């Protein structure tokens, strides 16, 4: 397997693209919608597709719809060897089965994440052998990742899923600047996570296989 994820991102070794150059442009629209929470033993997956307006459009014209989001502690990708304590992956799929993932790092601060607060209290109720839990009207507005595609920097590369079957040719879009969550929110996740961690180990970057890093900056 030549294009595996996660990887370490070294900002000094990436090709920078200014978003004024349309080659770096990405459109992301996230409308609110219900989420169905599943306990996956090593993770908590939320089946979520937003509303009818929700779509991810890449520069080459391909369109993807979200299918689920999930979390890792610590972050799977690193920045210059630094793990963030937490990350979220928003997984999208195109009509022809291709996958794109928007990754968001989280750091611990004084304030709670209003995004996580919408549903964080349901996590202890999830049972691997029990009934899934549905939360109505989950909104991404307070995470500001749709606007990040035009107002912030993000990294792009082609890699893989970080869970079995580790499918390759996945388009990764990683928002550069972390969001904030409280220490209590992080500990809440770790306490109910089997083993207290669910991050895959870093994988080597394979430039020869076309696994090239780009930084798109506003």
C-alpha atoms as a PDB file:
ATOM      1  CA  UNK A   1       0.000   0.000   0.000  1.00  0.00           C
ATOM      2  CA  UNK A   2       1.627   3.197  -1.231  1.00  0.00           C
ATOM      3  CA  UNK A   3      -0.656   6.062  -0.191  1.00  0.00           C
ATOM      4  CA  UNK A   4      -1.515   5.523   3.447  1.00  0.00           C
ATOM      5  CA  UNK A   5      -2.783   7.872   6.139  1.00  0.00           C
ATOM      6  CA  UNK A   6      -2.271   9.487   8.589  1.00  0.00           C
ATOM      7  CA  UNK A   7       0.976  11.335   7.916  1.00  0.00           C
ATOM      8  CA  UNK A   8       3.084  14.021   9.535  1.00  0.00           C
ATOM      9  CA  UNK A   9       2.704  17.387   7.831  1.00  0.00           C
ATOM     10  CA  UNK A  10       5.794  19.560   7.720  1.00  0.00           C
ATOM     11  CA  UNK A  11       4.740  23.052   6.559  1.00  0.00           C
ATOM     12  CA  UNK A  12       8.294  23.651   5.331  1.00  0.00           C
ATOM     13  CA  UNK A  13       7.989  20.805   2.845  1.00  0.00           C
ATOM     14  CA  UNK A  14       4.661  21.567   1.189  1.00  0.00           C
ATOM     15  CA  UNK A  15       3.816  23.365  -2.027  1.00  0.00           C
ATOM     16  CA  UNK A  16       1.889  26.533  -1.247  1.00  0.00           C
ATOM     17  CA  UNK A  17      -1.087  27.574  -3.349  1.00  0.00           C
ATOM     18  CA  UNK A  18      -2.698  30.988  -2.900  1.00  0.00           C
ATOM     19  CA  UNK A  19      -6.470  30.740  -3.119  1.00  0.00           C
ATOM     20  CA  UNK A  20      -6.589  33.727  -5.457  1.00  0.00           C
ATOM     21  CA  UNK A  21      -5.209  31.180  -7.882  1.00  0.00           C
ATOM     22  CA  UNK A  22      -8.421  29.246  -8.496  1.00  0.00           C
ATOM     23  CA  UNK A  23      -6.516  25.957  -8.462  1.00  0.00           C
ATOM     24  CA  UNK A  24      -6.773  25.944  -4.682  1.00  0.00           C
ATOM     25  CA  UNK A  25     -10.481  26.648  -4.438  1.00  0.00           C
ATOM     26  CA  UNK A  26     -12.875  24.314  -2.592  1.00  0.00           C
ATOM     27  CA  UNK A  27     -16.580  24.856  -1.896  1.00  0.00           C
ATOM     28  CA  UNK A  28     -18.099  23.316   1.232  1.00  0.00           C
ATOM     29  CA  UNK A  29     -21.726  23.815   2.230  1.00  0.00           C
ATOM     30  CA  UNK A  30     -22.932  22.273   5.491  1.00  0.00           C
ATOM     31  CA  UNK A  31     -26.628  22.422   6.325  1.00  0.00           C
ATOM     32  CA  UNK A  32     -28.009  21.077   9.600  1.00  0.00           C
ATOM     33  CA  UNK A  33     -29.445  17.576   9.796  1.00  0.00           C
ATOM     34  CA  UNK A  34     -30.015  14.631  12.136  1.00  0.00           C
ATOM     35  CA  UNK A  35     -27.162  12.358  13.172  1.00  0.00           C
ATOM     36  CA  UNK A  36     -27.384   8.680  14.100  1.00  0.00           C
ATOM     37  CA  UNK A  37     -24.693   7.702  16.598  1.00  0.00           C
ATOM     38  CA  UNK A  38     -23.129   4.239  16.511  1.00  0.00           C
ATOM     39  CA  UNK A  39     -20.675   2.703  18.979  1.00  0.00           C
ATOM     40  CA  UNK A  40     -17.933   1.018  16.954  1.00  0.00           C
ATOM     41  CA  UNK A  41     -15.904  -0.446  19.845  1.00  0.00           C
ATOM     42  CA  UNK A  42     -12.889   1.760  19.100  1.00  0.00           C
ATOM     43  CA  UNK A  43     -14.826   4.774  17.889  1.00  0.00           C
ATOM     44  CA  UNK A  44     -18.150   6.580  17.848  1.00  0.00           C
ATOM     45  CA  UNK A  45     -19.447   7.124  14.324  1.00  0.00           C
ATOM     46  CA  UNK A  46     -22.185   9.618  13.526  1.00  0.00           C
ATOM     47  CA  UNK A  47     -24.096   8.903  10.328  1.00  0.00           C
ATOM     48  CA  UNK A  48     -24.869  12.390   9.072  1.00  0.00           C
ATOM     49  CA  UNK A  49     -25.632  13.837   5.638  1.00  0.00           C
ATOM     50  CA  UNK A  50     -26.843  17.352   6.477  1.00  0.00           C
ATOM     51  CA  UNK A  51     -29.648  18.779   4.394  1.00  0.00           C
ATOM     52  CA  UNK A  52     -30.290  19.020   0.652  1.00  0.00           C
ATOM     53  CA  UNK A  53     -27.786  21.892   0.267  1.00  0.00           C
ATOM     54  CA  UNK A  54     -24.880  20.031   1.888  1.00  0.00           C
ATOM     55  CA  UNK A  55     -22.069  19.299  -0.564  1.00  0.00           C
ATOM     56  CA  UNK A  56     -18.280  19.379  -0.982  1.00  0.00           C
ATOM     57  CA  UNK A  57     -17.070  20.579  -4.402  1.00  0.00           C
ATOM     58  CA  UNK A  58     -13.434  20.190  -5.424  1.00  0.00           C
ATOM     59  CA  UNK A  59     -11.649  22.353  -7.978  1.00  0.00           C
ATOM     60  CA  UNK A  60     -11.819  19.625 -10.646  1.00  0.00           C
ATOM     61  CA  UNK A  61     -15.615  19.651 -10.493  1.00  0.00           C
ATOM     62  CA  UNK A  62     -16.104  16.508  -8.447  1.00  0.00           C
ATOM     63  CA  UNK A  63     -18.873  16.625  -5.863  1.00  0.00           C
ATOM     64  CA  UNK A  64     -19.092  14.670  -2.616  1.00  0.00           C
ATOM     65  CA  UNK A  65     -21.864  14.271  -0.065  1.00  0.00           C
ATOM     66  CA  UNK A  66     -21.136  13.712   3.639  1.00  0.00           C
ATOM     67  CA  UNK A  67     -21.949  10.262   4.983  1.00  0.00           C
ATOM     68  CA  UNK A  68     -20.563  10.335   8.531  1.00  0.00           C
ATOM     69  CA  UNK A  69     -18.193  11.982  10.970  1.00  0.00           C
ATOM     70  CA  UNK A  70     -16.150  10.500  13.788  1.00  0.00           C
ATOM     71  CA  UNK A  71     -13.421  11.384  16.275  1.00  0.00           C
ATOM     72  CA  UNK A  72      -9.901  10.378  17.275  1.00  0.00           C
ATOM     73  CA  UNK A  73      -7.870  11.033  20.396  1.00  0.00           C
ATOM     74  CA  UNK A  74      -5.149  12.041  19.968  1.00  0.00           C
ATOM     75  CA  UNK A  75      -5.202  13.469  16.438  1.00  0.00           C
ATOM     76  CA  UNK A  76      -4.071  11.027  13.786  1.00  0.00           C
ATOM     77  CA  UNK A  77      -2.285  13.519  11.538  1.00  0.00           C
ATOM     78  CA  UNK A  78       0.493  15.565  13.109  1.00  0.00           C
ATOM     79  CA  UNK A  79       1.975  18.987  12.331  1.00  0.00           C
ATOM     80  CA  UNK A  80       5.768  18.859  12.494  1.00  0.00           C
ATOM     81  CA  UNK A  81       5.502  15.871  14.797  1.00  0.00           C
ATOM     82  CA  UNK A  82       2.928  17.484  17.086  1.00  0.00           C
ATOM     83  CA  UNK A  83      -0.236  15.561  17.945  1.00  0.00           C
ATOM     84  CA  UNK A  84      -3.277  17.617  18.816  1.00  0.00           C
ATOM     85  CA  UNK A  85      -5.267  16.042  21.649  1.00  0.00           C
ATOM     86  CA  UNK A  86      -8.334  15.446  19.477  1.00  0.00           C
ATOM     87  CA  UNK A  87      -9.575  15.560  15.891  1.00  0.00           C
ATOM     88  CA  UNK A  88     -12.720  15.086  13.863  1.00  0.00           C
ATOM     89  CA  UNK A  89     -13.003  13.512  10.405  1.00  0.00           C
ATOM     90  CA  UNK A  90     -15.984  14.428   8.210  1.00  0.00           C
ATOM     91  CA  UNK A  91     -16.206  11.706   5.555  1.00  0.00           C
ATOM     92  CA  UNK A  92     -17.730  12.425   2.138  1.00  0.00           C
ATOM     93  CA  UNK A  93     -18.510  10.132  -0.784  1.00  0.00           C
ATOM     94  CA  UNK A  94     -19.148  10.818  -4.478  1.00  0.00           C
ATOM     95  CA  UNK A  95     -21.728   9.098  -6.641  1.00  0.00           C
ATOM     96  CA  UNK A  96     -18.975   6.944  -8.170  1.00  0.00           C
ATOM     97  CA  UNK A  97     -17.734   5.789  -4.764  1.00  0.00           C
ATOM     98  CA  UNK A  98     -14.717   8.073  -4.312  1.00  0.00           C
ATOM     99  CA  UNK A  99     -13.993   9.366  -0.808  1.00  0.00           C
ATOM    100  CA  UNK A 100     -12.934  12.780   0.517  1.00  0.00           C
ATOM    101  CA  UNK A 101     -12.321  13.566   4.185  1.00  0.00           C
ATOM    102  CA  UNK A 102     -12.262  16.977   5.864  1.00  0.00           C
ATOM    103  CA  UNK A 103     -10.132  16.814   9.011  1.00  0.00           C
ATOM    104  CA  UNK A 104     -10.350  19.281  11.900  1.00  0.00           C
ATOM    105  CA  UNK A 105      -7.840  19.502  14.761  1.00  0.00           C
ATOM    106  CA  UNK A 106      -8.873  20.477  18.292  1.00  0.00           C
ATOM    107  CA  UNK A 107      -6.821  22.042  21.056  1.00  0.00           C
ATOM    108  CA  UNK A 108      -7.783  22.296  24.726  1.00  0.00           C
ATOM    109  CA  UNK A 109      -8.766  25.733  26.002  1.00  0.00           C
ATOM    110  CA  UNK A 110     -10.975  27.434  28.555  1.00  0.00           C
ATOM    111  CA  UNK A 111     -14.112  27.350  26.418  1.00  0.00           C
ATOM    112  CA  UNK A 112     -16.289  24.407  25.485  1.00  0.00           C
ATOM    113  CA  UNK A 113     -16.843  23.582  21.835  1.00  0.00           C
ATOM    114  CA  UNK A 114     -20.465  24.557  21.087  1.00  0.00           C
ATOM    115  CA  UNK A 115     -20.382  22.105  18.187  1.00  0.00           C
ATOM    116  CA  UNK A 116     -19.527  19.145  20.424  1.00  0.00           C
ATOM    117  CA  UNK A 117     -21.895  20.371  23.125  1.00  0.00           C
ATOM    118  CA  UNK A 118     -24.849  19.636  20.815  1.00  0.00           C
ATOM    119  CA  UNK A 119     -24.454  15.902  21.330  1.00  0.00           C
ATOM    120  CA  UNK A 120     -21.598  15.184  23.775  1.00  0.00           C
ATOM    121  CA  UNK A 121     -23.994  14.070  26.500  1.00  0.00           C
ATOM    122  CA  UNK A 122     -25.275  11.115  24.433  1.00  0.00           C
ATOM    123  CA  UNK A 123     -21.895   9.363  24.177  1.00  0.00           C
ATOM    124  CA  UNK A 124     -22.135   7.482  27.493  1.00  0.00           C
ATOM    125  CA  UNK A 125     -25.523   6.111  26.390  1.00  0.00           C
ATOM    126  CA  UNK A 126     -24.011   4.349  23.375  1.00  0.00           C
ATOM    127  CA  UNK A 127     -23.680   0.588  23.724  1.00  0.00           C
ATOM    128  CA  UNK A 128     -21.860  -1.667  21.202  1.00  0.00           C
ATOM    129  CA  UNK A 129     -24.667  -4.182  21.671  1.00  0.00           C
ATOM    130  CA  UNK A 130     -27.479  -1.685  22.090  1.00  0.00           C
ATOM    131  CA  UNK A 131     -29.670   0.641  20.070  1.00  0.00           C
ATOM    132  CA  UNK A 132     -28.176   3.539  18.107  1.00  0.00           C
ATOM    133  CA  UNK A 133     -28.973   7.048  19.339  1.00  0.00           C
ATOM    134  CA  UNK A 134     -30.276   9.802  17.032  1.00  0.00           C
ATOM    135  CA  UNK A 135     -29.737  13.515  17.661  1.00  0.00           C
ATOM    136  CA  UNK A 136     -31.842  15.951  15.636  1.00  0.00           C
ATOM    137  CA  UNK A 137     -30.583  18.993  13.772  1.00  0.00           C
ATOM    138  CA  UNK A 138     -26.797  18.789  14.236  1.00  0.00           C
ATOM    139  CA  UNK A 139     -25.268  22.018  12.929  1.00  0.00           C
ATOM    140  CA  UNK A 140     -21.672  22.705  11.915  1.00  0.00           C
ATOM    141  CA  UNK A 141     -22.089  26.491  12.016  1.00  0.00           C
ATOM    142  CA  UNK A 142     -20.086  26.941  15.232  1.00  0.00           C
ATOM    143  CA  UNK A 143     -17.156  24.967  13.805  1.00  0.00           C
ATOM    144  CA  UNK A 144     -16.610  27.378  10.885  1.00  0.00           C
ATOM    145  CA  UNK A 145     -15.131  24.748   8.608  1.00  0.00           C
ATOM    146  CA  UNK A 146     -17.198  25.707   5.556  1.00  0.00           C
ATOM    147  CA  UNK A 147     -15.774  29.232   5.694  1.00  0.00           C
ATOM    148  CA  UNK A 148     -12.316  27.765   6.320  1.00  0.00           C
ATOM    149  CA  UNK A 149     -12.260  26.615   2.700  1.00  0.00           C
ATOM    150  CA  UNK A 150     -12.056  30.269   1.614  1.00  0.00           C
ATOM    151  CA  UNK A 151     -10.913  32.246   4.678  1.00  0.00           C
ATOM    152  CA  UNK A 152      -8.254  29.999   6.239  1.00  0.00           C
ATOM    153  CA  UNK A 153      -5.391  27.743   5.218  1.00  0.00           C
ATOM    154  CA  UNK A 154      -5.752  24.015   4.753  1.00  0.00           C
ATOM    155  CA  UNK A 155      -3.579  21.112   3.625  1.00  0.00           C
ATOM    156  CA  UNK A 156      -4.463  18.706   0.821  1.00  0.00           C
ATOM    157  CA  UNK A 157      -3.006  15.377  -0.157  1.00  0.00           C
ATOM    158  CA  UNK A 158      -4.087  11.964  -1.393  1.00  0.00           C
ATOM    159  CA  UNK A 159      -3.959   9.176   1.157  1.00  0.00           C
ATOM    160  CA  UNK A 160      -6.189   6.491   2.634  1.00  0.00           C
ATOM    161  CA  UNK A 161      -8.806   5.741   5.214  1.00  0.00           C
ATOM    162  CA  UNK A 162      -7.214   5.358   8.646  1.00  0.00           C
ATOM    163  CA  UNK A 163      -9.414   2.422   9.620  1.00  0.00           C
ATOM    164  CA  UNK A 164      -9.810  -0.984   7.917  1.00  0.00           C
ATOM    165  CA  UNK A 165      -9.857  -1.646   5.008  1.00  0.00           C
ATOM    166  CA  UNK A 166      -7.464   1.377   4.647  1.00  0.00           C
ATOM    167  CA  UNK A 167      -8.847   2.216   1.204  1.00  0.00           C
ATOM    168  CA  UNK A 168      -6.479   4.429  -0.819  1.00  0.00           C
ATOM    169  CA  UNK A 169      -7.036   7.333  -3.245  1.00  0.00           C
ATOM    170  CA  UNK A 170      -8.813   9.290  -0.517  1.00  0.00           C
ATOM    171  CA  UNK A 171      -8.739  13.085  -0.888  1.00  0.00           C
ATOM    172  CA  UNK A 172      -7.665  14.607   2.428  1.00  0.00           C
ATOM    173  CA  UNK A 173      -8.428  18.233   3.337  1.00  0.00           C
ATOM    174  CA  UNK A 174      -7.013  19.219   6.734  1.00  0.00           C
ATOM    175  CA  UNK A 175      -7.961  22.596   8.212  1.00  0.00           C
ATOM    176  CA  UNK A 176      -4.699  24.118   9.433  1.00  0.00           C
ATOM    177  CA  UNK A 177      -5.880  26.032  12.511  1.00  0.00           C
ATOM    178  CA  UNK A 178      -7.273  23.988  15.413  1.00  0.00           C
ATOM    179  CA  UNK A 179     -10.659  24.558  17.010  1.00  0.00           C
ATOM    180  CA  UNK A 180     -11.067  24.702  20.789  1.00  0.00           C
ATOM    181  CA  UNK A 181     -12.672  22.264  23.206  1.00  0.00           C
ATOM    182  CA  UNK A 182     -12.618  22.210  26.990  1.00  0.00           C
ATOM    183  CA  UNK A 183     -10.513  19.850  29.066  1.00  0.00           C
ATOM    184  CA  UNK A 184     -13.721  18.327  30.426  1.00  0.00           C
ATOM    185  CA  UNK A 185     -15.013  17.611  26.908  1.00  0.00           C
ATOM    186  CA  UNK A 186     -11.769  15.880  25.970  1.00  0.00           C
ATOM    187  CA  UNK A 187     -11.703  13.835  29.166  1.00  0.00           C
ATOM    188  CA  UNK A 188     -15.341  12.862  28.635  1.00  0.00           C
ATOM    189  CA  UNK A 189     -14.396  11.284  25.301  1.00  0.00           C
ATOM    190  CA  UNK A 190     -11.242   9.589  26.587  1.00  0.00           C
ATOM    191  CA  UNK A 191     -13.046   8.121  29.596  1.00  0.00           C
ATOM    192  CA  UNK A 192     -15.577   6.251  27.466  1.00  0.00           C
ATOM    193  CA  UNK A 193     -13.164   5.300  24.670  1.00  0.00           C
ATOM    194  CA  UNK A 194     -11.933   1.703  24.961  1.00  0.00           C
ATOM    195  CA  UNK A 195      -8.209   1.939  25.704  1.00  0.00           C
ATOM    196  CA  UNK A 196      -8.350   5.736  25.929  1.00  0.00           C
ATOM    197  CA  UNK A 197      -6.913   6.175  22.408  1.00  0.00           C
ATOM    198  CA  UNK A 198      -8.006   5.294  18.871  1.00  0.00           C
ATOM    199  CA  UNK A 199      -5.411   6.895  16.585  1.00  0.00           C
ATOM    200  CA  UNK A 200      -3.642   4.931  13.875  1.00  0.00           C
ATOM    201  CA  UNK A 201       0.140   5.222  13.824  1.00  0.00           C
ATOM    202  CA  UNK A 202       1.773   7.604  11.347  1.00  0.00           C
ATOM    203  CA  UNK A 203       2.499   6.299   7.862  1.00  0.00           C
ATOM    204  CA  UNK A 204       5.492   7.207   5.654  1.00  0.00           C
ATOM    205  CA  UNK A 205       4.953   9.803   2.928  1.00  0.00           C
ATOM    206  CA  UNK A 206       5.379   8.325  -0.538  1.00  0.00           C
ATOM    207  CA  UNK A 207       6.174  11.159  -2.958  1.00  0.00           C
ATOM    208  CA  UNK A 208       6.969   8.670  -5.694  1.00  0.00           C
ATOM    209  CA  UNK A 209       3.392   7.402  -5.474  1.00  0.00           C
ATOM    210  CA  UNK A 210       1.969  10.876  -5.984  1.00  0.00           C
ATOM    211  CA  UNK A 211       1.317  11.582  -2.310  1.00  0.00           C
ATOM    212  CA  UNK A 212       2.177  15.262  -2.616  1.00  0.00           C
ATOM    213  CA  UNK A 213       1.258  17.856  -0.009  1.00  0.00           C
ATOM    214  CA  UNK A 214      -0.263  21.223  -0.830  1.00  0.00           C
ATOM    215  CA  UNK A 215      -1.041  24.115   1.468  1.00  0.00           C
ATOM    216  CA  UNK A 216      -3.878  26.303   0.223  1.00  0.00           C
ATOM    217  CA  UNK A 217      -3.755  29.693   1.919  1.00  0.00           C
ATOM    218  CA  UNK A 218      -6.077  32.654   1.865  1.00  0.00           C
END
